[in-house]
Amino acid sequence: MQDHQASRTALGVAYIRAAHQILDSHPLLFADPVAVRFLGPDTADAIHGMIARHQHPRGRGLRSHVCLRARFAEDMLAEEAANGATTYVLVGAGFDTFAFRQPHFAKGMRIVEIDHPATQAAKRQMIAAAELTVPENLRFAAADFTREGLGDVLGRLGIDPNEGVYFSWLGVSMYLTEADIDKSLEAMAKVSTRASITLTFRQPPDPSMPAEKEIADVVAAMGEPFISAFSEEAMAEKLKQKGFAQQNFLDPENAATRYYAEQRDLPPPRRTTIVHAAR
């Protein structure tokens, strides 16, 4: 990502989520009634104009992954809120719309979106153009991680060390070095004794899954290449070392049973790439 422009992959994710609302059958894997409005009045035409890409098996697989991780993260948020979490921090929030469609349980929470200043500036422009009202419990925390660490950003939020804090870290770790991942996990674990997190990670490439390489080539061409990859076992050990001992990996079997029983258009995952963990 260039310093002066919003993340192109984050914008691509927003269009993928919008495409799910337009192209796929109900019940949706991930309902986001704000997604299309958020991107503007030409969104539906733009999606239909690229229908071949969206409906290609690779496109369906990517759409499934993007929507599954968002659904699972918000399901885990609901559970953490029921257990007393009062702050929801989206690290690398991109163009997420949760704050603008938040359910009743989130109204009393503090929602913090952390992302690059250029991405947040673009998002604010889109919010204004869509005539959406920024909710009172939403805070934007701009962060340029080439100049500061996540711990510095979290330190500015005034989080109580015993407060229930839930982090979502979706579609980010694969763009970071292992050292930066370690530092970020340490920062999230240290912010509170009741910290929890849902994150996605990339597994090492599998030659039997050519779509994975195709997607990697696409994001590299956009200037945001994948850098890191971990096996499920390696990620489990890393989370444990950083203090997140309680772990729930969403494996393909559980995902299929829990989320795809009635979803006819999108394929369930073939590998484990999503995990919820808590201290």
Protein backbone atom coordinates (compact mmCIF):
# COMPACT_ATOMS: atom_id res chain seq x y z
CA MET A 1 0.00 0.00 0.00
CA GLN A 2 1.26 3.48 -0.87
CA ASP A 3 1.46 6.06 1.92
CA HIS A 4 -0.93 8.43 0.14
CA GLN A 5 -3.61 6.01 -1.00
CA ALA A 6 -6.14 3.70 0.60
CA SER A 7 -5.52 -0.03 0.63
CA ARG A 8 -6.66 -1.53 -2.65
CA THR A 9 -7.11 -4.97 -1.13
CA ALA A 10 -9.31 -3.50 1.64
CA LEU A 11 -11.50 -1.86 -1.00
CA GLY A 12 -11.61 -5.15 -2.89
CA VAL A 13 -12.85 -6.89 0.25
CA ALA A 14 -15.64 -4.31 0.57
CA TYR A 15 -16.77 -5.06 -2.98
CA ILE A 16 -16.65 -8.79 -2.31
CA ARG A 17 -18.92 -8.37 0.69
CA ALA A 18 -21.28 -6.22 -1.38
CA ALA A 19 -21.28 -8.81 -4.16
CA HIS A 20 -22.43 -11.42 -1.66
CA GLN A 21 -25.48 -9.31 -0.86
CA ILE A 22 -26.36 -8.98 -4.56
CA LEU A 23 -25.41 -12.29 -6.15
CA ASP A 24 -25.92 -15.05 -3.60
CA SER A 25 -29.05 -16.81 -2.40
CA HIS A 26 -30.60 -16.38 1.02
CA PRO A 27 -29.99 -17.11 3.78
CA LEU A 28 -26.76 -15.24 3.26
CA LEU A 29 -23.57 -16.43 4.85
CA PHE A 30 -22.94 -12.88 6.04
CA ALA A 31 -25.72 -10.30 5.96
CA ASP A 32 -24.38 -6.76 5.51
CA PRO A 33 -27.27 -4.47 4.56
CA VAL A 34 -25.00 -1.42 4.57
CA ALA A 35 -22.35 -2.76 2.17
CA VAL A 36 -23.89 -1.70 -1.14
CA ARG A 37 -25.00 1.73 0.05
CA PHE A 38 -21.58 2.31 1.60
CA LEU A 39 -19.79 1.84 -1.72
CA GLY A 40 -22.07 4.16 -3.65
CA PRO A 41 -24.96 4.15 -6.15
CA ASP A 42 -22.95 2.52 -8.95
CA THR A 43 -21.96 -0.49 -6.88
CA ALA A 44 -24.50 -2.95 -8.26
CA ASP A 45 -23.65 -2.02 -11.85
CA ALA A 46 -19.94 -2.40 -11.12
CA ILE A 47 -20.46 -5.84 -9.62
CA HIS A 48 -22.64 -7.04 -12.50
CA GLY A 49 -20.08 -5.62 -14.90
CA MET A 50 -17.54 -8.06 -13.44
CA ILE A 51 -19.94 -10.96 -13.08
CA ALA A 52 -17.60 -13.45 -14.74
CA ARG A 53 -14.89 -12.76 -12.16
CA HIS A 54 -17.30 -12.90 -9.23
CA GLN A 55 -18.93 -16.14 -10.37
CA HIS A 56 -15.72 -17.90 -11.38
CA PRO A 57 -14.92 -20.75 -8.94
CA ARG A 58 -11.97 -18.72 -7.66
CA GLY A 59 -14.23 -15.73 -7.12
CA ARG A 60 -16.81 -17.81 -5.26
CA GLY A 61 -14.11 -19.32 -3.08
CA LEU A 62 -12.65 -15.94 -2.20
CA ARG A 63 -16.12 -14.53 -1.51
CA SER A 64 -16.84 -17.47 0.76
CA HIS A 65 -13.64 -16.88 2.74
CA VAL A 66 -14.18 -13.13 3.11
CA CYS A 67 -17.77 -13.54 4.26
CA LEU A 68 -17.05 -16.51 6.54
CA ARG A 69 -14.31 -14.71 8.43
CA ALA A 70 -16.54 -11.66 8.94
CA ARG A 71 -19.46 -13.80 10.12
CA PHE A 72 -17.34 -15.83 12.51
CA ALA A 73 -15.64 -12.73 13.93
CA GLU A 74 -18.96 -11.07 14.64
CA ASP A 75 -20.38 -14.25 16.14
CA MET A 76 -17.38 -14.35 18.48
CA LEU A 77 -17.91 -10.66 19.26
CA ALA A 78 -21.45 -11.43 20.39
CA GLU A 79 -20.15 -14.18 22.67
CA GLU A 80 -17.44 -11.97 24.13
CA ALA A 81 -19.93 -9.15 24.70
CA ALA A 82 -22.19 -11.57 26.55
CA ASN A 83 -19.17 -12.43 28.71
CA GLY A 84 -18.58 -8.79 29.55
CA ALA A 85 -16.39 -7.36 26.78
CA THR A 86 -16.91 -3.61 26.53
CA THR A 87 -14.46 -2.63 23.79
CA TYR A 88 -14.30 -3.92 20.22
CA VAL A 89 -11.10 -3.09 18.33
CA LEU A 90 -10.85 -3.74 14.60
CA VAL A 91 -7.16 -3.84 13.70
CA GLY A 92 -6.85 -3.15 9.99
CA ALA A 93 -10.54 -2.25 9.84
CA GLY A 94 -10.50 -1.28 6.20
CA PHE A 95 -14.02 -0.53 4.99
CA ASP A 96 -15.83 -2.64 7.59
CA THR A 97 -19.43 -1.58 8.21
CA PHE A 98 -20.20 -3.13 11.61
CA ALA A 99 -20.44 0.22 13.40
CA PHE A 100 -23.19 1.33 10.99
CA ARG A 101 -25.35 -1.77 11.46
CA GLN A 102 -24.45 -2.65 15.03
CA PRO A 103 -26.95 -4.85 16.88
CA HIS A 104 -28.44 -3.88 20.21
CA PHE A 105 -25.79 -5.65 22.28
CA ALA A 106 -23.06 -3.43 20.79
CA LYS A 107 -24.73 -0.09 21.54
CA GLY A 108 -23.06 0.09 24.93
CA MET A 109 -19.64 -0.94 23.64
CA ARG A 110 -16.78 1.23 22.48
CA ILE A 111 -15.89 0.44 18.86
CA VAL A 112 -12.40 1.37 17.70
CA GLU A 113 -11.24 1.13 14.09
CA ILE A 114 -7.47 1.12 13.59
CA ASP A 115 -6.05 1.58 10.11
CA HIS A 116 -3.72 3.60 7.92
CA PRO A 117 -4.57 7.34 7.70
CA ALA A 118 -5.10 7.16 3.92
CA THR A 119 -7.55 4.28 4.21
CA GLN A 120 -9.45 6.01 6.98
CA ALA A 121 -9.59 9.26 5.03
CA ALA A 122 -11.11 7.42 2.07
CA LYS A 123 -13.58 5.71 4.39
CA ARG A 124 -14.69 9.00 5.91
CA GLN A 125 -15.35 10.34 2.42
CA MET A 126 -17.43 7.29 1.58
CA ILE A 127 -19.39 7.62 4.83
CA ALA A 128 -20.22 11.23 4.00
CA ALA A 129 -21.16 10.42 0.40
CA ALA A 130 -23.46 7.62 1.58
CA GLU A 131 -25.04 10.04 4.08
CA LEU A 132 -24.36 7.68 6.95
CA THR A 133 -24.22 8.99 10.50
CA VAL A 134 -21.08 8.13 12.45
CA PRO A 135 -22.33 6.49 15.68
CA GLU A 136 -21.29 8.05 18.95
CA ASN A 137 -19.56 4.87 20.14
CA LEU A 138 -17.23 4.68 17.13
CA ARG A 139 -13.68 6.01 17.27
CA PHE A 140 -11.22 6.14 14.39
CA ALA A 141 -7.60 5.57 15.41
CA ALA A 142 -5.27 6.34 12.52
CA ALA A 143 -2.00 4.41 12.59
CA ASP A 144 0.98 4.27 10.26
CA PHE A 145 2.72 1.07 11.30
CA THR A 146 5.86 2.03 9.41
CA ARG A 147 6.35 4.70 12.06
CA GLU A 148 4.85 3.21 15.23
CA GLY A 149 3.80 -0.11 16.71
CA LEU A 150 0.34 -1.37 17.57
CA GLY A 151 1.24 -1.10 21.25
CA ASP A 152 1.70 2.66 20.83
CA VAL A 153 -1.71 2.98 19.21
CA LEU A 154 -3.45 0.87 21.85
CA GLY A 155 -1.72 2.88 24.57
CA ARG A 156 -3.56 5.98 23.37
CA LEU A 157 -6.97 4.36 23.81
CA GLY A 158 -6.99 4.37 27.60
CA ILE A 159 -8.03 0.73 27.95
CA ASP A 160 -8.33 -0.52 31.52
CA PRO A 161 -6.01 -3.52 32.09
CA ASN A 162 -8.93 -5.55 33.46
CA GLU A 163 -11.43 -4.54 30.80
CA GLY A 164 -12.90 -7.08 28.42
CA VAL A 165 -11.42 -6.24 25.02
CA TYR A 166 -12.14 -8.11 21.81
CA PHE A 167 -9.93 -7.72 18.73
CA SER A 168 -10.70 -8.67 15.16
CA TRP A 169 -7.65 -8.95 12.93
CA LEU A 170 -8.92 -10.15 9.59
CA GLY A 171 -6.99 -10.37 6.36
CA VAL A 172 -3.91 -8.68 7.82
CA SER A 173 -1.35 -11.15 9.19
CA MET A 174 -0.41 -12.53 5.76
CA TYR A 175 0.86 -9.10 4.72
CA LEU A 176 3.21 -8.82 7.73
CA THR A 177 6.57 -10.29 8.67
CA GLU A 178 6.62 -12.82 11.48
CA ALA A 179 8.37 -10.28 13.71
CA ASP A 180 5.60 -7.74 13.16
CA ILE A 181 2.95 -10.38 13.82
CA ASP A 182 4.66 -11.27 17.09
CA LYS A 183 4.82 -7.65 18.19
CA SER A 184 1.16 -7.09 17.37
CA LEU A 185 -0.01 -10.20 19.23
CA GLU A 186 2.07 -9.20 22.23
CA ALA A 187 0.53 -5.73 22.20
CA MET A 188 -3.01 -7.11 22.06
CA ALA A 189 -2.33 -9.63 24.82
CA LYS A 190 -0.76 -7.04 27.10
CA VAL A 191 -3.51 -4.45 26.79
CA SER A 192 -5.84 -6.38 29.13
CA THR A 193 -5.97 -9.52 31.22
CA ARG A 194 -9.30 -10.20 29.47
CA ALA A 195 -8.19 -9.75 25.88
CA SER A 196 -9.51 -12.00 23.13
CA ILE A 197 -8.99 -12.06 19.38
CA THR A 198 -10.28 -13.48 16.14
CA LEU A 199 -7.71 -13.50 13.37
CA THR A 200 -7.08 -15.01 9.98
CA PHE A 201 -3.79 -16.41 8.77
CA ARG A 202 -2.46 -17.88 5.56
CA GLN A 203 -1.34 -21.48 5.48
CA PRO A 204 1.73 -22.51 3.44
CA PRO A 205 0.82 -22.88 -0.26
CA ASP A 206 -0.70 -26.21 -1.28
CA PRO A 207 0.11 -27.25 -4.87
CA SER A 208 -3.27 -28.97 -5.09
CA MET A 209 -5.01 -25.61 -4.64
CA PRO A 210 -3.94 -23.47 -7.64
CA ALA A 211 -6.50 -20.80 -6.75
CA GLU A 212 -4.38 -19.87 -3.75
CA LYS A 213 -1.43 -19.00 -5.99
CA GLU A 214 -3.69 -17.09 -8.35
CA ILE A 215 -4.98 -14.96 -5.49
CA ALA A 216 -1.44 -14.41 -4.22
CA ASP A 217 -0.42 -13.24 -7.69
CA VAL A 218 -3.37 -10.83 -7.84
CA VAL A 219 -2.63 -9.11 -4.52
CA ALA A 220 1.08 -8.95 -5.37
CA ALA A 221 0.21 -7.19 -8.62
CA MET A 222 -1.82 -4.70 -6.55
CA GLY A 223 1.31 -3.85 -4.58
CA GLU A 224 0.26 -5.67 -1.40
CA PRO A 225 1.96 -9.10 -1.57
CA PHE A 226 1.52 -11.91 0.92
CA ILE A 227 4.57 -12.26 3.18
CA SER A 228 3.86 -14.78 5.93
CA ALA A 229 2.27 -18.21 6.18
CA PHE A 230 1.80 -20.61 9.12
CA SER A 231 0.48 -24.08 9.63
CA GLU A 232 -2.38 -24.48 12.09
CA GLU A 233 0.03 -26.01 14.59
CA ALA A 234 2.52 -23.16 14.23
CA MET A 235 -0.18 -20.53 14.70
CA ALA A 236 -1.53 -22.36 17.76
CA GLU A 237 1.92 -22.37 19.33
CA LYS A 238 2.47 -18.71 18.48
CA LEU A 239 -0.81 -17.67 20.08
CA LYS A 240 -0.01 -19.74 23.16
CA GLN A 241 3.41 -18.13 23.49
CA LYS A 242 1.87 -14.68 23.29
CA GLY A 243 -0.65 -15.42 26.03
CA PHE A 244 -3.72 -16.57 24.09
CA ALA A 245 -3.97 -20.06 25.53
CA GLN A 246 -7.70 -20.68 24.89
CA GLN A 247 -8.08 -21.40 21.19
CA ASN A 248 -10.90 -22.29 18.82
CA PHE A 249 -9.79 -22.98 15.23
CA LEU A 250 -12.66 -22.99 12.75
CA ASP A 251 -11.87 -26.16 10.81
CA PRO A 252 -13.60 -27.03 7.51
CA GLU A 253 -15.90 -29.64 9.06
CA ASN A 254 -17.22 -27.31 11.75
CA ALA A 255 -17.52 -24.43 9.30
CA ALA A 256 -19.55 -26.55 6.89
CA THR A 257 -21.91 -27.71 9.61
CA ARG A 258 -22.30 -24.34 11.28
CA TYR A 259 -22.49 -21.99 8.33
CA TYR A 260 -23.07 -23.76 5.02
CA ALA A 261 -26.00 -26.08 5.62
CA GLU A 262 -28.35 -23.66 3.83
CA GLN A 263 -25.91 -21.66 1.70
CA ARG A 264 -26.19 -23.03 -1.84
CA ASP A 265 -23.91 -20.67 -3.75
CA LEU A 266 -20.64 -20.55 -1.85
CA PRO A 267 -18.24 -23.43 -1.13
CA PRO A 268 -17.16 -24.22 2.44
CA PRO A 269 -13.46 -23.82 3.22
CA ARG A 270 -10.96 -26.56 2.45
CA ARG A 271 -8.38 -25.46 5.02
CA THR A 272 -8.30 -23.89 8.47
CA THR A 273 -7.40 -20.21 8.32
CA ILE A 274 -9.52 -18.63 11.08
CA VAL A 275 -9.03 -18.82 14.83
CA HIS A 276 -10.55 -17.28 17.95
CA ALA A 277 -8.32 -17.13 21.00
CA ALA A 278 -8.49 -15.67 24.48
CA ARG A 279 -6.23 -15.16 27.45
